[in-house]
Amino acid sequence: MFNSDFHIHTCYCDGKNTPEEIVIEAVSKGMKKIGFSGHSYIDFEDAPFMNPEKERNYKIEINRLKEKYKSQIKILLGIELDYFSDVDTSDYDYVIGSVHYVKCGEKIIAIDHTIQCFEDAIKECNNDVYEVCEKYFEIVSDVVNKTNADIIGHFDLVSKFNEGSKFFDENNKRYIDAYTKALDILLKTGKPFEINSGAISRGYRTFPYPSMNILKYIAEHKGKVILSSDSHQKETIMYKFEESEKIAKSLGLEIVEL
């Protein structure tokens, strides 16, 4: 079983625990490697992202923990870099490239913060949920190019609130065409896609990102995946990794680590 996790949030952004509390938990679980991935600063929205001061302190703290716990666990300093963020990542060990917004007209709207935000995005996009999805995947297709990401974060985040097809049919041709076009571009980069269990631990989904159909497409085209908890509290690091690993292996997907 894989015992590393590279998508973890702390009290420096929207997580509940300090980095050291998480490191102690990771050591107690016998983990060999852990990576922190604070949300990058976005100048048009405060929460849940790190402002410049928090980011400075975050870097200092993670580097302090690297040294303190070096005999027990390898710690990596990472960042979850949003597509609309403009942050220098040169002193980070790795980057998760993610998209949390769509641009509808002149408005940039979050698609995952709350159901209300997602509904607002639909309204701004001509009351057409598939237009939201198309805009989202168009941006996602460029996320590695824009962020120079080492990991592609929660590829189909736009489906966060769609459990039970609440907002749209994931078998709709427009939806499939939109994500397939993005996958075809991203697969050429060779970067791994997360199998991300974060929405399960927070009660939004019963299957990790991305969906089974998307994972099958990645497998058919020899893409790679990386297991991710997207944890926001110490109890959920490596959340449901055993199940995620089984899904990946059932499809013949190569699982990688940093």
C-alpha atoms as a PDB file:
ATOM      1  CA  MET A   1       0.000   0.000   0.000  1.00  0.00           C
ATOM      2  CA  PHE A   2       1.188   3.512  -0.808  1.00  0.00           C
ATOM      3  CA  ASN A   3       2.043   5.497   2.305  1.00  0.00           C
ATOM      4  CA  SER A   4       2.717   8.996   1.033  1.00  0.00           C
ATOM      5  CA  ASP A   5       0.321  11.898   0.566  1.00  0.00           C
ATOM      6  CA  PHE A   6       1.067  15.172  -1.207  1.00  0.00           C
ATOM      7  CA  HIS A   7      -2.220  17.113  -1.119  1.00  0.00           C
ATOM      8  CA  ILE A   8      -2.643  18.356   2.440  1.00  0.00           C
ATOM      9  CA  HIS A   9      -3.954  21.662   3.759  1.00  0.00           C
ATOM     10  CA  THR A  10      -3.224  23.229   7.136  1.00  0.00           C
ATOM     11  CA  CYS A  11      -4.287  26.160   9.276  1.00  0.00           C
ATOM     12  CA  TYR A  12      -2.232  28.401   7.002  1.00  0.00           C
ATOM     13  CA  CYS A  13      -5.112  28.203   4.505  1.00  0.00           C
ATOM     14  CA  ASP A  14      -8.401  26.336   5.017  1.00  0.00           C
ATOM     15  CA  GLY A  15      -7.181  23.319   7.006  1.00  0.00           C
ATOM     16  CA  LYS A  16      -7.899  22.679  10.681  1.00  0.00           C
ATOM     17  CA  ASN A  17      -4.524  21.536  11.995  1.00  0.00           C
ATOM     18  CA  THR A  18      -1.018  22.940  12.272  1.00  0.00           C
ATOM     19  CA  PRO A  19       1.593  21.376  10.013  1.00  0.00           C
ATOM     20  CA  GLU A  20       3.344  19.851  13.011  1.00  0.00           C
ATOM     21  CA  GLU A  21       0.155  18.170  14.222  1.00  0.00           C
ATOM     22  CA  ILE A  22      -0.148  16.604  10.786  1.00  0.00           C
ATOM     23  CA  VAL A  23       3.485  15.489  10.734  1.00  0.00           C
ATOM     24  CA  ILE A  24       3.065  13.821  14.127  1.00  0.00           C
ATOM     25  CA  GLU A  25      -0.031  12.024  12.809  1.00  0.00           C
ATOM     26  CA  ALA A  26       1.820  10.950   9.670  1.00  0.00           C
ATOM     27  CA  VAL A  27       4.715   9.557  11.682  1.00  0.00           C
ATOM     28  CA  SER A  28       2.291   7.648  13.895  1.00  0.00           C
ATOM     29  CA  LYS A  29       0.797   6.073  10.749  1.00  0.00           C
ATOM     30  CA  GLY A  30       4.205   4.954   9.568  1.00  0.00           C
ATOM     31  CA  MET A  31       4.268   7.276   6.572  1.00  0.00           C
ATOM     32  CA  LYS A  32       7.610   7.684   4.845  1.00  0.00           C
ATOM     33  CA  LYS A  33       6.859  10.865   2.921  1.00  0.00           C
ATOM     34  CA  ILE A  34       4.388  13.729   3.195  1.00  0.00           C
ATOM     35  CA  GLY A  35       3.833  16.904   1.209  1.00  0.00           C
ATOM     36  CA  PHE A  36       2.025  20.078   2.201  1.00  0.00           C
ATOM     37  CA  SER A  37       0.127  22.010  -0.465  1.00  0.00           C
ATOM     38  CA  GLY A  38      -1.202  25.329   0.815  1.00  0.00           C
ATOM     39  CA  HIS A  39      -3.639  27.204  -1.426  1.00  0.00           C
ATOM     40  CA  SER A  40      -1.871  29.919  -3.414  1.00  0.00           C
ATOM     41  CA  TYR A  41      -2.806  33.573  -3.037  1.00  0.00           C
ATOM     42  CA  ILE A  42      -5.433  35.018  -5.373  1.00  0.00           C
ATOM     43  CA  ASP A  43      -5.719  38.790  -5.413  1.00  0.00           C
ATOM     44  CA  PHE A  44      -9.488  38.893  -5.978  1.00  0.00           C
ATOM     45  CA  GLU A  45     -10.482  36.636  -3.078  1.00  0.00           C
ATOM     46  CA  ASP A  46      -9.181  36.189   0.481  1.00  0.00           C
ATOM     47  CA  ALA A  47     -10.444  32.845   1.776  1.00  0.00           C
ATOM     48  CA  PRO A  48      -9.522  30.038   1.626  1.00  0.00           C
ATOM     49  CA  PHE A  49      -6.120  31.005   0.284  1.00  0.00           C
ATOM     50  CA  MET A  50      -2.816  32.037   1.834  1.00  0.00           C
ATOM     51  CA  ASN A  51      -2.108  35.748   1.725  1.00  0.00           C
ATOM     52  CA  PRO A  52       1.546  36.774   1.198  1.00  0.00           C
ATOM     53  CA  GLU A  53       2.259  36.975   4.940  1.00  0.00           C
ATOM     54  CA  LYS A  54       0.730  33.562   5.620  1.00  0.00           C
ATOM     55  CA  GLU A  55       2.659  32.112   2.704  1.00  0.00           C
ATOM     56  CA  ARG A  56       5.959  33.411   4.098  1.00  0.00           C
ATOM     57  CA  ASN A  57       5.205  31.906   7.501  1.00  0.00           C
ATOM     58  CA  TYR A  58       4.027  28.660   5.894  1.00  0.00           C
ATOM     59  CA  LYS A  59       7.336  28.238   4.081  1.00  0.00           C
ATOM     60  CA  ILE A  60       9.309  28.928   7.242  1.00  0.00           C
ATOM     61  CA  GLU A  61       7.299  26.402   9.240  1.00  0.00           C
ATOM     62  CA  ILE A  62       7.444  23.587   6.694  1.00  0.00           C
ATOM     63  CA  ASN A  63      11.186  24.045   6.284  1.00  0.00           C
ATOM     64  CA  ARG A  64      11.583  23.988  10.079  1.00  0.00           C
ATOM     65  CA  LEU A  65       9.670  20.711  10.249  1.00  0.00           C
ATOM     66  CA  LYS A  66      11.748  19.243   7.420  1.00  0.00           C
ATOM     67  CA  GLU A  67      14.820  19.587   9.601  1.00  0.00           C
ATOM     68  CA  LYS A  68      13.195  18.633  12.910  1.00  0.00           C
ATOM     69  CA  TYR A  69      11.680  15.375  11.619  1.00  0.00           C
ATOM     70  CA  LYS A  70      14.228  14.439   8.946  1.00  0.00           C
ATOM     71  CA  SER A  71      15.154  11.206  10.723  1.00  0.00           C
ATOM     72  CA  GLN A  72      11.505  10.082  10.850  1.00  0.00           C
ATOM     73  CA  ILE A  73       9.823  11.240   7.650  1.00  0.00           C
ATOM     74  CA  LYS A  74      10.603  13.096   4.440  1.00  0.00           C
ATOM     75  CA  ILE A  75       8.641  16.347   4.244  1.00  0.00           C
ATOM     76  CA  LEU A  76       8.067  18.264   0.997  1.00  0.00           C
ATOM     77  CA  LEU A  77       7.088  21.907   0.646  1.00  0.00           C
ATOM     78  CA  GLY A  78       4.369  22.143  -1.973  1.00  0.00           C
ATOM     79  CA  ILE A  79       1.687  24.534  -3.121  1.00  0.00           C
ATOM     80  CA  GLU A  80      -1.698  24.121  -4.768  1.00  0.00           C
ATOM     81  CA  LEU A  81      -1.439  26.756  -7.454  1.00  0.00           C
ATOM     82  CA  ASP A  82      -4.741  27.957  -8.832  1.00  0.00           C
ATOM     83  CA  TYR A  83      -4.882  28.788 -12.528  1.00  0.00           C
ATOM     84  CA  PHE A  84      -5.853  32.373 -11.707  1.00  0.00           C
ATOM     85  CA  SER A  85      -3.048  32.808  -9.186  1.00  0.00           C
ATOM     86  CA  ASP A  86       0.189  34.645  -9.907  1.00  0.00           C
ATOM     87  CA  VAL A  87       2.649  33.338  -7.315  1.00  0.00           C
ATOM     88  CA  ASP A  88       6.341  32.582  -7.699  1.00  0.00           C
ATOM     89  CA  THR A  89       6.771  28.851  -7.092  1.00  0.00           C
ATOM     90  CA  SER A  90      10.510  28.608  -7.671  1.00  0.00           C
ATOM     91  CA  ASP A  91      11.295  27.739  -4.038  1.00  0.00           C
ATOM     92  CA  TYR A  92       8.677  24.980  -3.747  1.00  0.00           C
ATOM     93  CA  ASP A  93       9.442  21.285  -4.059  1.00  0.00           C
ATOM     94  CA  TYR A  94       6.375  20.666  -6.212  1.00  0.00           C
ATOM     95  CA  VAL A  95       3.215  22.268  -7.577  1.00  0.00           C
ATOM     96  CA  ILE A  96      -0.340  20.955  -7.799  1.00  0.00           C
ATOM     97  CA  GLY A  97      -2.071  22.763 -10.652  1.00  0.00           C
ATOM     98  CA  SER A  98      -5.777  23.283 -10.000  1.00  0.00           C
ATOM     99  CA  VAL A  99      -8.763  25.206 -11.300  1.00  0.00           C
ATOM    100  CA  HIS A 100     -11.404  26.491  -8.875  1.00  0.00           C
ATOM    101  CA  TYR A 101     -13.041  29.190 -11.041  1.00  0.00           C
ATOM    102  CA  VAL A 102     -14.635  29.807 -14.410  1.00  0.00           C
ATOM    103  CA  LYS A 103     -14.852  33.089 -16.244  1.00  0.00           C
ATOM    104  CA  CYS A 104     -18.368  33.959 -17.393  1.00  0.00           C
ATOM    105  CA  GLY A 105     -18.398  37.243 -19.244  1.00  0.00           C
ATOM    106  CA  GLU A 106     -16.365  39.624 -17.090  1.00  0.00           C
ATOM    107  CA  LYS A 107     -16.959  37.689 -13.877  1.00  0.00           C
ATOM    108  CA  ILE A 108     -14.648  35.094 -12.375  1.00  0.00           C
ATOM    109  CA  ILE A 109     -16.785  32.754 -10.269  1.00  0.00           C
ATOM    110  CA  ALA A 110     -15.861  29.897  -7.941  1.00  0.00           C
ATOM    111  CA  ILE A 111     -17.373  26.557  -8.930  1.00  0.00           C
ATOM    112  CA  ASP A 112     -16.545  24.567  -5.783  1.00  0.00           C
ATOM    113  CA  HIS A 113     -16.801  26.812  -2.706  1.00  0.00           C
ATOM    114  CA  THR A 114     -20.549  26.302  -2.154  1.00  0.00           C
ATOM    115  CA  ILE A 115     -23.588  25.050  -4.044  1.00  0.00           C
ATOM    116  CA  GLN A 116     -24.739  28.666  -4.242  1.00  0.00           C
ATOM    117  CA  CYS A 117     -21.484  29.629  -5.984  1.00  0.00           C
ATOM    118  CA  PHE A 118     -21.997  26.862  -8.519  1.00  0.00           C
ATOM    119  CA  GLU A 119     -25.588  27.959  -9.120  1.00  0.00           C
ATOM    120  CA  ASP A 120     -24.366  31.549  -9.588  1.00  0.00           C
ATOM    121  CA  ALA A 121     -21.902  30.334 -12.212  1.00  0.00           C
ATOM    122  CA  ILE A 122     -24.720  28.614 -14.085  1.00  0.00           C
ATOM    123  CA  LYS A 123     -26.784  31.813 -14.061  1.00  0.00           C
ATOM    124  CA  GLU A 124     -23.855  33.870 -15.343  1.00  0.00           C
ATOM    125  CA  CYS A 125     -23.281  31.349 -18.144  1.00  0.00           C
ATOM    126  CA  ASN A 126     -26.689  31.780 -19.765  1.00  0.00           C
ATOM    127  CA  ASN A 127     -28.326  29.336 -17.330  1.00  0.00           C
ATOM    128  CA  ASP A 128     -26.463  26.598 -19.176  1.00  0.00           C
ATOM    129  CA  VAL A 129     -24.680  24.170 -16.855  1.00  0.00           C
ATOM    130  CA  TYR A 130     -22.897  22.526 -19.780  1.00  0.00           C
ATOM    131  CA  GLU A 131     -21.447  25.903 -20.729  1.00  0.00           C
ATOM    132  CA  VAL A 132     -20.006  26.096 -17.207  1.00  0.00           C
ATOM    133  CA  CYS A 133     -18.468  22.651 -17.674  1.00  0.00           C
ATOM    134  CA  GLU A 134     -17.082  23.556 -21.088  1.00  0.00           C
ATOM    135  CA  LYS A 135     -15.508  26.738 -19.756  1.00  0.00           C
ATOM    136  CA  TYR A 136     -14.097  24.849 -16.793  1.00  0.00           C
ATOM    137  CA  PHE A 137     -12.455  22.088 -18.841  1.00  0.00           C
ATOM    138  CA  GLU A 138     -11.127  24.599 -21.366  1.00  0.00           C
ATOM    139  CA  ILE A 139      -9.209  26.245 -18.510  1.00  0.00           C
ATOM    140  CA  VAL A 140      -8.170  22.887 -17.048  1.00  0.00           C
ATOM    141  CA  SER A 141      -6.693  21.883 -20.397  1.00  0.00           C
ATOM    142  CA  ASP A 142      -4.156  24.715 -19.981  1.00  0.00           C
ATOM    143  CA  VAL A 143      -3.396  24.203 -16.280  1.00  0.00           C
ATOM    144  CA  VAL A 144      -0.034  22.470 -16.720  1.00  0.00           C
ATOM    145  CA  ASN A 145       1.077  25.024 -19.284  1.00  0.00           C
ATOM    146  CA  LYS A 146       0.037  27.928 -17.031  1.00  0.00           C
ATOM    147  CA  THR A 147       1.221  26.628 -13.653  1.00  0.00           C
ATOM    148  CA  ASN A 148       4.052  24.278 -14.668  1.00  0.00           C
ATOM    149  CA  ALA A 149       2.368  21.757 -12.373  1.00  0.00           C
ATOM    150  CA  ASP A 150       3.909  18.487 -11.272  1.00  0.00           C
ATOM    151  CA  ILE A 151       0.449  17.105 -10.413  1.00  0.00           C
ATOM    152  CA  ILE A 152      -2.932  17.777 -12.049  1.00  0.00           C
ATOM    153  CA  GLY A 153      -5.364  18.511  -9.224  1.00  0.00           C
ATOM    154  CA  HIS A 154      -8.945  17.158  -8.983  1.00  0.00           C
ATOM    155  CA  PHE A 155      -9.490  17.104 -12.743  1.00  0.00           C
ATOM    156  CA  ASP A 156     -13.315  17.103 -12.684  1.00  0.00           C
ATOM    157  CA  LEU A 157     -13.862  19.407  -9.699  1.00  0.00           C
ATOM    158  CA  VAL A 158     -16.796  20.927 -11.589  1.00  0.00           C
ATOM    159  CA  SER A 159     -18.745  17.783 -10.625  1.00  0.00           C
ATOM    160  CA  LYS A 160     -18.255  18.320  -6.872  1.00  0.00           C
ATOM    161  CA  PHE A 161     -21.934  19.012  -6.199  1.00  0.00           C
ATOM    162  CA  ASN A 162     -23.275  16.684  -8.893  1.00  0.00           C
ATOM    163  CA  GLU A 163     -23.730  13.501  -6.845  1.00  0.00           C
ATOM    164  CA  GLY A 164     -26.800  11.724  -8.197  1.00  0.00           C
ATOM    165  CA  SER A 165     -26.715  13.924 -11.343  1.00  0.00           C
ATOM    166  CA  LYS A 166     -28.099  16.826  -9.313  1.00  0.00           C
ATOM    167  CA  PHE A 167     -27.076  19.445 -11.880  1.00  0.00           C
ATOM    168  CA  PHE A 168     -26.143  17.643 -15.096  1.00  0.00           C
ATOM    169  CA  ASP A 169     -25.775  14.307 -16.846  1.00  0.00           C
ATOM    170  CA  GLU A 170     -22.130  13.222 -16.910  1.00  0.00           C
ATOM    171  CA  ASN A 171     -22.942  11.056 -19.938  1.00  0.00           C
ATOM    172  CA  ASN A 172     -24.102  14.082 -21.910  1.00  0.00           C
ATOM    173  CA  LYS A 173     -22.134  14.474 -25.142  1.00  0.00           C
ATOM    174  CA  ARG A 174     -21.217  18.092 -24.422  1.00  0.00           C
ATOM    175  CA  TYR A 175     -19.768  17.118 -21.051  1.00  0.00           C
ATOM    176  CA  ILE A 176     -17.853  14.138 -22.461  1.00  0.00           C
ATOM    177  CA  ASP A 177     -16.512  16.194 -25.381  1.00  0.00           C
ATOM    178  CA  ALA A 178     -15.358  18.921 -22.986  1.00  0.00           C
ATOM    179  CA  TYR A 179     -13.413  16.671 -20.642  1.00  0.00           C
ATOM    180  CA  THR A 180     -12.051  14.485 -23.449  1.00  0.00           C
ATOM    181  CA  LYS A 181     -10.579  17.511 -25.213  1.00  0.00           C
ATOM    182  CA  ALA A 182      -8.884  18.583 -21.961  1.00  0.00           C
ATOM    183  CA  LEU A 183      -7.603  15.064 -21.284  1.00  0.00           C
ATOM    184  CA  ASP A 184      -6.099  14.765 -24.755  1.00  0.00           C
ATOM    185  CA  ILE A 185      -4.049  17.911 -24.107  1.00  0.00           C
ATOM    186  CA  LEU A 186      -3.018  17.049 -20.551  1.00  0.00           C
ATOM    187  CA  LEU A 187      -2.110  13.436 -21.283  1.00  0.00           C
ATOM    188  CA  LYS A 188       0.599  14.696 -23.634  1.00  0.00           C
ATOM    189  CA  THR A 189       2.326  16.424 -20.703  1.00  0.00           C
ATOM    190  CA  GLY A 190       2.968  13.137 -18.925  1.00  0.00           C
ATOM    191  CA  LYS A 191       1.937  14.665 -15.604  1.00  0.00           C
ATOM    192  CA  PRO A 192      -0.024  12.463 -13.178  1.00  0.00           C
ATOM    193  CA  PHE A 193      -3.694  13.048 -12.454  1.00  0.00           C
ATOM    194  CA  GLU A 194      -4.825  12.857  -8.852  1.00  0.00           C
ATOM    195  CA  ILE A 195      -7.139  10.162  -7.642  1.00  0.00           C
ATOM    196  CA  ASN A 196      -8.465  12.555  -5.040  1.00  0.00           C
ATOM    197  CA  SER A 197     -10.620  11.354  -2.137  1.00  0.00           C
ATOM    198  CA  GLY A 198     -11.166  14.780  -0.578  1.00  0.00           C
ATOM    199  CA  ALA A 199     -14.795  15.198  -1.614  1.00  0.00           C
ATOM    200  CA  ILE A 200     -15.600  11.801  -0.104  1.00  0.00           C
ATOM    201  CA  SER A 201     -14.120  12.687   3.288  1.00  0.00           C
ATOM    202  CA  ARG A 202     -16.090  15.951   3.279  1.00  0.00           C
ATOM    203  CA  GLY A 203     -19.360  14.272   2.315  1.00  0.00           C
ATOM    204  CA  TYR A 204     -19.875  15.601  -1.212  1.00  0.00           C
ATOM    205  CA  ARG A 205     -19.146  12.489  -3.267  1.00  0.00           C
ATOM    206  CA  THR A 206     -19.089   8.726  -2.933  1.00  0.00           C
ATOM    207  CA  PHE A 207     -16.363   8.217  -5.578  1.00  0.00           C
ATOM    208  CA  PRO A 208     -13.048  10.079  -5.822  1.00  0.00           C
ATOM    209  CA  TYR A 209     -12.130  12.617  -8.471  1.00  0.00           C
ATOM    210  CA  PRO A 210     -12.042  11.907 -11.331  1.00  0.00           C
ATOM    211  CA  SER A 211     -15.040   9.777 -12.275  1.00  0.00           C
ATOM    212  CA  MET A 212     -14.659   6.165 -13.339  1.00  0.00           C
ATOM    213  CA  ASN A 213     -15.294   7.017 -16.997  1.00  0.00           C
ATOM    214  CA  ILE A 214     -12.528   9.621 -16.912  1.00  0.00           C
ATOM    215  CA  LEU A 215     -10.159   7.224 -15.151  1.00  0.00           C
ATOM    216  CA  LYS A 216     -10.876   4.617 -17.823  1.00  0.00           C
ATOM    217  CA  TYR A 217      -9.971   7.129 -20.528  1.00  0.00           C
ATOM    218  CA  ILE A 218      -6.734   8.005 -18.725  1.00  0.00           C
ATOM    219  CA  ALA A 219      -5.903   4.300 -18.439  1.00  0.00           C
ATOM    220  CA  GLU A 220      -6.671   3.625 -22.114  1.00  0.00           C
ATOM    221  CA  HIS A 221      -4.256   6.404 -23.069  1.00  0.00           C
ATOM    222  CA  LYS A 222      -1.479   5.267 -20.731  1.00  0.00           C
ATOM    223  CA  GLY A 223      -1.802   8.180 -18.322  1.00  0.00           C
ATOM    224  CA  LYS A 224      -0.467   8.124 -14.772  1.00  0.00           C
ATOM    225  CA  VAL A 225      -2.150   8.809 -11.446  1.00  0.00           C
ATOM    226  CA  ILE A 226      -1.102   9.775  -7.946  1.00  0.00           C
ATOM    227  CA  LEU A 227      -3.082   9.054  -4.779  1.00  0.00           C
ATOM    228  CA  SER A 228      -4.287  12.154  -2.959  1.00  0.00           C
ATOM    229  CA  SER A 229      -6.413  12.839   0.109  1.00  0.00           C
ATOM    230  CA  ASP A 230      -6.837  16.605  -0.336  1.00  0.00           C
ATOM    231  CA  SER A 231      -6.924  16.468   3.451  1.00  0.00           C
ATOM    232  CA  HIS A 232      -8.026  19.427   5.560  1.00  0.00           C
ATOM    233  CA  GLN A 233      -7.502  17.724   8.919  1.00  0.00           C
ATOM    234  CA  LYS A 234      -5.036  15.247  10.335  1.00  0.00           C
ATOM    235  CA  GLU A 235      -7.581  12.414  10.577  1.00  0.00           C
ATOM    236  CA  THR A 236      -8.044  12.277   6.806  1.00  0.00           C
ATOM    237  CA  ILE A 237      -4.481  12.062   5.518  1.00  0.00           C
ATOM    238  CA  MET A 238      -4.264   9.067   3.146  1.00  0.00           C
ATOM    239  CA  TYR A 239      -8.083   8.885   3.297  1.00  0.00           C
ATOM    240  CA  LYS A 240      -9.412   5.770   1.525  1.00  0.00           C
ATOM    241  CA  PHE A 241      -6.069   5.172  -0.188  1.00  0.00           C
ATOM    242  CA  GLU A 242      -6.620   1.428  -0.139  1.00  0.00           C
ATOM    243  CA  GLU A 243      -9.836   1.849  -2.135  1.00  0.00           C
ATOM    244  CA  SER A 244      -8.217   4.344  -4.512  1.00  0.00           C
ATOM    245  CA  GLU A 245      -5.311   1.981  -5.095  1.00  0.00           C
ATOM    246  CA  LYS A 246      -7.714  -0.859  -5.893  1.00  0.00           C
ATOM    247  CA  ILE A 247      -9.557   1.316  -8.415  1.00  0.00           C
ATOM    248  CA  ALA A 248      -6.308   2.294 -10.119  1.00  0.00           C
ATOM    249  CA  LYS A 249      -4.989  -1.263 -10.243  1.00  0.00           C
ATOM    250  CA  SER A 250      -8.289  -2.620 -11.572  1.00  0.00           C
ATOM    251  CA  LEU A 251      -7.873  -0.302 -14.559  1.00  0.00           C
ATOM    252  CA  GLY A 252      -4.171  -0.999 -15.038  1.00  0.00           C
ATOM    253  CA  LEU A 253      -3.223   2.575 -14.130  1.00  0.00           C
ATOM    254  CA  GLU A 254       0.349   3.348 -13.152  1.00  0.00           C
ATOM    255  CA  ILE A 255       0.471   4.931  -9.684  1.00  0.00           C
ATOM    256  CA  VAL A 256       3.402   7.272  -9.086  1.00  0.00           C
ATOM    257  CA  GLU A 257       4.837   9.153  -6.115  1.00  0.00           C
ATOM    258  CA  LEU A 258       6.956  12.277  -5.874  1.00  0.00           C
END
